[in-house]
C-alpha atoms as a PDB file:
ATOM      1  CA  MET A   1      11.631  18.758 -24.949  1.00  0.00           C
ATOM      2  CA  SER A   2      10.853  15.530 -27.449  1.00  0.00           C
ATOM      3  CA  SER A   3       6.746  15.253 -28.666  1.00  0.00           C
ATOM      4  CA  ASN A   4       5.828  12.684 -26.308  1.00  0.00           C
ATOM      5  CA  ALA A   5       6.463  14.831 -23.886  1.00  0.00           C
ATOM      6  CA  THR A   6       4.698  18.181 -25.336  1.00  0.00           C
ATOM      7  CA  THR A   7       1.643  16.126 -25.280  1.00  0.00           C
ATOM      8  CA  LEU A   8       1.428  14.834 -21.743  1.00  0.00           C
ATOM      9  CA  THR A   9       2.663  18.360 -20.607  1.00  0.00           C
ATOM     10  CA  GLU A  10      -0.619  20.220 -22.413  1.00  0.00           C
ATOM     11  CA  LEU A  11      -2.793  17.123 -21.798  1.00  0.00           C
ATOM     12  CA  LEU A  12      -2.119  17.192 -18.321  1.00  0.00           C
ATOM     13  CA  ILE A  13      -2.360  21.211 -18.257  1.00  0.00           C
ATOM     14  CA  ARG A  14      -5.789  20.527 -19.102  1.00  0.00           C
ATOM     15  CA  GLU A  15      -6.984  17.624 -17.533  1.00  0.00           C
ATOM     16  CA  ARG A  16      -5.446  19.673 -14.001  1.00  0.00           C
ATOM     17  CA  PRO A  17      -8.762  19.477 -12.491  1.00  0.00           C
ATOM     18  CA  ALA A  18      -9.611  15.548 -13.041  1.00  0.00           C
ATOM     19  CA  LEU A  19      -6.739  14.178 -12.084  1.00  0.00           C
ATOM     20  CA  LEU A  20      -6.321  16.138  -9.029  1.00  0.00           C
ATOM     21  CA  ARG A  21     -10.038  14.992  -8.202  1.00  0.00           C
ATOM     22  CA  LEU A  22      -8.226  10.984  -8.670  1.00  0.00           C
ATOM     23  CA  VAL A  23      -5.264  12.018  -7.183  1.00  0.00           C
ATOM     24  CA  GLN A  24      -8.232  13.403  -3.674  1.00  0.00           C
ATOM     25  CA  ARG A  25     -10.230  10.390  -3.607  1.00  0.00           C
ATOM     26  CA  ILE A  26      -6.545   7.820  -3.831  1.00  0.00           C
ATOM     27  CA  LEU A  27      -5.177   9.831  -0.687  1.00  0.00           C
ATOM     28  CA  GLY A  28      -8.039  10.488   0.905  1.00  0.00           C
ATOM     29  CA  SER A  29      -7.961  13.687   3.418  1.00  0.00           C
ATOM     30  CA  ASP A  30      -4.283  13.825   4.482  1.00  0.00           C
ATOM     31  CA  GLY A  31      -3.243  16.228   1.620  1.00  0.00           C
ATOM     32  CA  GLY A  32      -0.235  15.390  -0.778  1.00  0.00           C
ATOM     33  CA  ALA A  33      -2.306  15.386  -4.104  1.00  0.00           C
ATOM     34  CA  GLU A  34      -0.426  18.444  -5.353  1.00  0.00           C
ATOM     35  CA  ASP A  35       2.393  17.311  -4.345  1.00  0.00           C
ATOM     36  CA  VAL A  36       1.471  13.380  -6.768  1.00  0.00           C
ATOM     37  CA  ILE A  37       0.200  16.707  -9.344  1.00  0.00           C
ATOM     38  CA  GLN A  38       3.657  18.247  -9.461  1.00  0.00           C
ATOM     39  CA  SER A  39       5.261  14.887  -9.323  1.00  0.00           C
ATOM     40  CA  ILE A  40       3.411  13.504 -12.843  1.00  0.00           C
ATOM     41  CA  TRP A  41       4.706  16.981 -14.134  1.00  0.00           C
ATOM     42  CA  PHE A  42       7.828  16.609 -14.013  1.00  0.00           C
ATOM     43  CA  LYS A  43       7.692  13.025 -14.663  1.00  0.00           C
ATOM     44  CA  ALA A  44       5.485  13.508 -18.476  1.00  0.00           C
ATOM     45  CA  ARG A  45       8.793  16.482 -18.820  1.00  0.00           C
ATOM     46  CA  GLY A  46      10.515  13.214 -19.120  1.00  0.00           C
ATOM     47  CA  VAL A  47       9.072  10.714 -21.103  1.00  0.00           C
ATOM     48  CA  ASP A  48      12.084  10.528 -23.989  1.00  0.00           C
ATOM     49  CA  GLY A  49      10.160  10.450 -27.774  1.00  0.00           C
ATOM     50  CA  GLY A  50      11.642   7.225 -28.649  1.00  0.00           C
ATOM     51  CA  GLN A  51       7.836   5.885 -29.712  1.00  0.00           C
ATOM     52  CA  PRO A  52       4.658   7.798 -29.435  1.00  0.00           C
ATOM     53  CA  ILE A  53       2.393   6.984 -26.377  1.00  0.00           C
ATOM     54  CA  SER A  54      -0.846   5.453 -28.188  1.00  0.00           C
ATOM     55  CA  ASN A  55      -3.385   6.930 -25.917  1.00  0.00           C
ATOM     56  CA  PRO A  56      -1.626   9.830 -23.885  1.00  0.00           C
ATOM     57  CA  ARG A  57      -4.622  10.422 -21.682  1.00  0.00           C
ATOM     58  CA  ALA A  58      -5.028   6.741 -20.515  1.00  0.00           C
ATOM     59  CA  TYR A  59      -0.871   6.809 -19.899  1.00  0.00           C
ATOM     60  CA  LEU A  60      -1.881   9.739 -17.561  1.00  0.00           C
ATOM     61  CA  TYR A  61      -4.264   8.907 -15.981  1.00  0.00           C
ATOM     62  CA  ARG A  62      -2.562   6.002 -14.726  1.00  0.00           C
ATOM     63  CA  LEU A  63       0.396   7.978 -14.156  1.00  0.00           C
ATOM     64  CA  ALA A  64      -1.342   9.433 -11.695  1.00  0.00           C
ATOM     65  CA  ALA A  65      -3.278   6.098  -9.974  1.00  0.00           C
ATOM     66  CA  ASN A  66       0.972   4.942  -9.656  1.00  0.00           C
ATOM     67  CA  LEU A  67       1.806   7.981  -8.481  1.00  0.00           C
ATOM     68  CA  ALA A  68      -0.514   8.985  -5.460  1.00  0.00           C
ATOM     69  CA  THR A  69      -0.501   4.966  -5.366  1.00  0.00           C
ATOM     70  CA  ASP A  70       2.997   4.890  -4.074  1.00  0.00           C
ATOM     71  CA  HIS A  71       2.737   8.760  -2.807  1.00  0.00           C
ATOM     72  CA  GLY A  72       0.666   7.002  -0.023  1.00  0.00           C
ATOM     73  CA  ARG A  73       2.593   4.009   0.366  1.00  0.00           C
ATOM     74  CA  GLU A  74       5.577   6.398   1.384  1.00  0.00           C
ATOM     75  CA  ARG A  75       2.985   8.286   3.836  1.00  0.00           C
ATOM     76  CA  THR A  76       2.729   5.233   5.671  1.00  0.00           C
ATOM     77  CA  ARG A  77       5.570   3.660   5.665  1.00  0.00           C
ATOM     78  CA  ARG A  78       6.777   7.381   7.144  1.00  0.00           C
ATOM     79  CA  THR A  79       4.616   7.465   9.782  1.00  0.00           C
ATOM     80  CA  ARG A  80       4.859   4.153  10.825  1.00  0.00           C
ATOM     81  CA  LEU A  81       8.785   4.517  10.784  1.00  0.00           C
ATOM     82  CA  LEU A  82       8.291   8.569  12.805  1.00  0.00           C
ATOM     83  CA  ALA A  83       5.775   6.630  15.400  1.00  0.00           C
ATOM     84  CA  GLU A  84       8.026   3.718  16.658  1.00  0.00           C
ATOM     85  CA  HIS A  85      11.011   6.610  17.208  1.00  0.00           C
ATOM     86  CA  TYR A  86       8.786   8.207  19.123  1.00  0.00           C
ATOM     87  CA  LEU A  87       6.932   5.203  20.404  1.00  0.00           C
ATOM     88  CA  TRP A  88      10.556   3.267  21.319  1.00  0.00           C
ATOM     89  CA  GLY A  89      12.271   6.169  21.269  1.00  0.00           C
ATOM     90  CA  PRO A  90      16.037   5.785  19.022  1.00  0.00           C
ATOM     91  CA  ASP A  91      18.481   4.582  21.716  1.00  0.00           C
ATOM     92  CA  GLU A  92      16.156   2.214  23.067  1.00  0.00           C
ATOM     93  CA  VAL A  93      18.362  -1.137  22.590  1.00  0.00           C
ATOM     94  CA  LEU A  94      16.945  -4.661  23.498  1.00  0.00           C
ATOM     95  CA  SER A  95      19.125  -6.537  25.335  1.00  0.00           C
ATOM     96  CA  THR A  96      20.405  -9.802  24.181  1.00  0.00           C
ATOM     97  CA  GLU A  97      18.363 -12.366  25.967  1.00  0.00           C
ATOM     98  CA  GLU A  98      14.868  -9.867  24.612  1.00  0.00           C
ATOM     99  CA  GLN A  99      15.603 -10.141  21.622  1.00  0.00           C
ATOM    100  CA  ALA A 100      16.456 -13.557  21.231  1.00  0.00           C
ATOM    101  CA  MET A 101      12.938 -13.660  22.450  1.00  0.00           C
ATOM    102  CA  ALA A 102      11.615 -11.201  19.924  1.00  0.00           C
ATOM    103  CA  GLN A 103      12.858 -13.723  17.256  1.00  0.00           C
ATOM    104  CA  ASP A 104      11.780 -17.257  19.516  1.00  0.00           C
ATOM    105  CA  GLU A 105       8.308 -15.145  19.504  1.00  0.00           C
ATOM    106  CA  LEU A 106       8.279 -14.181  15.712  1.00  0.00           C
ATOM    107  CA  GLN A 107       8.969 -17.835  14.988  1.00  0.00           C
ATOM    108  CA  ARG A 108       6.028 -18.966  16.912  1.00  0.00           C
ATOM    109  CA  VAL A 109       3.742 -16.260  15.098  1.00  0.00           C
ATOM    110  CA  LEU A 110       5.673 -17.712  11.142  1.00  0.00           C
ATOM    111  CA  ALA A 111       4.406 -21.156  11.504  1.00  0.00           C
ATOM    112  CA  ALA A 112       1.605 -20.727  13.062  1.00  0.00           C
ATOM    113  CA  ALA A 113       0.813 -18.260   9.440  1.00  0.00           C
ATOM    114  CA  GLU A 114       2.195 -20.968   7.469  1.00  0.00           C
ATOM    115  CA  HIS A 115      -0.107 -23.247   9.136  1.00  0.00           C
ATOM    116  CA  LEU A 116      -3.067 -21.380   8.907  1.00  0.00           C
ATOM    117  CA  PRO A 117      -5.566 -23.990   6.570  1.00  0.00           C
ATOM    118  CA  GLU A 118      -6.728 -22.874   3.589  1.00  0.00           C
ATOM    119  CA  PRO A 119      -9.047 -20.239   3.133  1.00  0.00           C
ATOM    120  CA  THR A 120      -7.889 -18.301   5.855  1.00  0.00           C
ATOM    121  CA  ARG A 121      -4.791 -18.107   4.838  1.00  0.00           C
ATOM    122  CA  THR A 122      -5.439 -16.884   1.875  1.00  0.00           C
ATOM    123  CA  ILE A 123      -8.105 -14.164   2.787  1.00  0.00           C
ATOM    124  CA  PHE A 124      -5.484 -13.095   5.588  1.00  0.00           C
ATOM    125  CA  ARG A 125      -2.203 -12.602   3.293  1.00  0.00           C
ATOM    126  CA  LEU A 126      -5.143 -10.100   0.846  1.00  0.00           C
ATOM    127  CA  ASN A 127      -6.819  -8.617   4.038  1.00  0.00           C
ATOM    128  CA  ARG A 128      -4.047  -8.206   6.272  1.00  0.00           C
ATOM    129  CA  LEU A 129      -1.140  -8.719   4.003  1.00  0.00           C
ATOM    130  CA  GLN A 130      -0.893  -7.301   0.450  1.00  0.00           C
ATOM    131  CA  GLY A 131      -3.706  -3.918   2.159  1.00  0.00           C
ATOM    132  CA  MET A 132      -7.018  -5.709  -0.396  1.00  0.00           C
ATOM    133  CA  THR A 133     -10.785  -4.620   1.514  1.00  0.00           C
ATOM    134  CA  GLN A 134     -12.895  -6.846   3.444  1.00  0.00           C
ATOM    135  CA  VAL A 135     -15.228  -6.078   0.351  1.00  0.00           C
ATOM    136  CA  GLU A 136     -12.916  -6.519  -2.281  1.00  0.00           C
ATOM    137  CA  VAL A 137     -11.336  -9.194  -0.733  1.00  0.00           C
ATOM    138  CA  ALA A 138     -14.555 -11.377  -0.312  1.00  0.00           C
ATOM    139  CA  LYS A 139     -15.146 -10.394  -4.046  1.00  0.00           C
ATOM    140  CA  ARG A 140     -12.785 -11.550  -5.312  1.00  0.00           C
ATOM    141  CA  GLN A 141     -12.828 -15.264  -2.974  1.00  0.00           C
ATOM    142  CA  GLY A 142     -16.575 -15.346  -4.335  1.00  0.00           C
ATOM    143  CA  VAL A 143     -17.787 -15.372  -0.615  1.00  0.00           C
ATOM    144  CA  SER A 144     -19.727 -13.120   2.028  1.00  0.00           C
ATOM    145  CA  VAL A 145     -17.908  -9.935   3.846  1.00  0.00           C
ATOM    146  CA  THR A 146     -19.147 -11.615   7.039  1.00  0.00           C
ATOM    147  CA  THR A 147     -16.903 -15.050   6.484  1.00  0.00           C
ATOM    148  CA  VAL A 148     -13.792 -12.631   5.044  1.00  0.00           C
ATOM    149  CA  GLU A 149     -14.303 -10.938   8.730  1.00  0.00           C
ATOM    150  CA  ASN A 150     -14.527 -14.565  10.616  1.00  0.00           C
ATOM    151  CA  HIS A 151     -11.870 -15.752   8.774  1.00  0.00           C
ATOM    152  CA  VAL A 152      -9.775 -12.818   9.703  1.00  0.00           C
ATOM    153  CA  ARG A 153     -10.599 -12.889  13.267  1.00  0.00           C
ATOM    154  CA  SER A 154      -9.847 -16.277  13.440  1.00  0.00           C
ATOM    155  CA  ALA A 155      -6.198 -16.000  11.802  1.00  0.00           C
ATOM    156  CA  LEU A 156      -5.557 -13.536  13.861  1.00  0.00           C
ATOM    157  CA  GLN A 157      -6.621 -15.300  16.948  1.00  0.00           C
ATOM    158  CA  ARG A 158      -4.628 -18.297  16.162  1.00  0.00           C
ATOM    159  CA  LEU A 159      -1.612 -15.405  15.322  1.00  0.00           C
ATOM    160  CA  ALA A 160      -1.907 -14.325  19.344  1.00  0.00           C
ATOM    161  CA  TRP A 161      -2.289 -17.836  21.200  1.00  0.00           C
ATOM    162  CA  ALA A 162       1.269 -19.150  18.659  1.00  0.00           C
ATOM    163  CA  ARG A 163       2.587 -15.332  19.886  1.00  0.00           C
ATOM    164  CA  SER A 164       1.733 -16.490  22.932  1.00  0.00           C
ATOM    165  CA  GLY A 165       3.286 -19.223  23.393  1.00  0.00           C
ATOM    166  CA  ARG A 166      -0.101 -22.100  23.770  1.00  0.00           C
END
């Protein structure tokens, strides 16, 4: 085991309670924090010793935050896939006509999204597509949360109109 791996492993043992709290804060109450801590341990043990890590503690905490975020995204993706599987079933196949109608609906929504006025388009993209909270979007854009809510509502309304073919 390299000197970097040894340093990170020893630090992980000492910092485990704090790292666990960090991961739990990122993941929320749904669990999975212990799995992330185990992943950190495996990653730390696999770090090569080519160049010494200048700040092992910062490296470890960044690794924990990144792995927790990845774990949360993967959990969300799995949940969505399971929901789709149970809502529509694996054997439900759309007819050619239904596929064409769905494709047309999608094209209308995408075209409407492209033509959203600024700053509505940017606020909608940040909140709904990049997953930022409305508070985060408001801070980033320098506007109030109410303004963000109004822009998101406006975007959703325009996209719903486009979806329905109005």
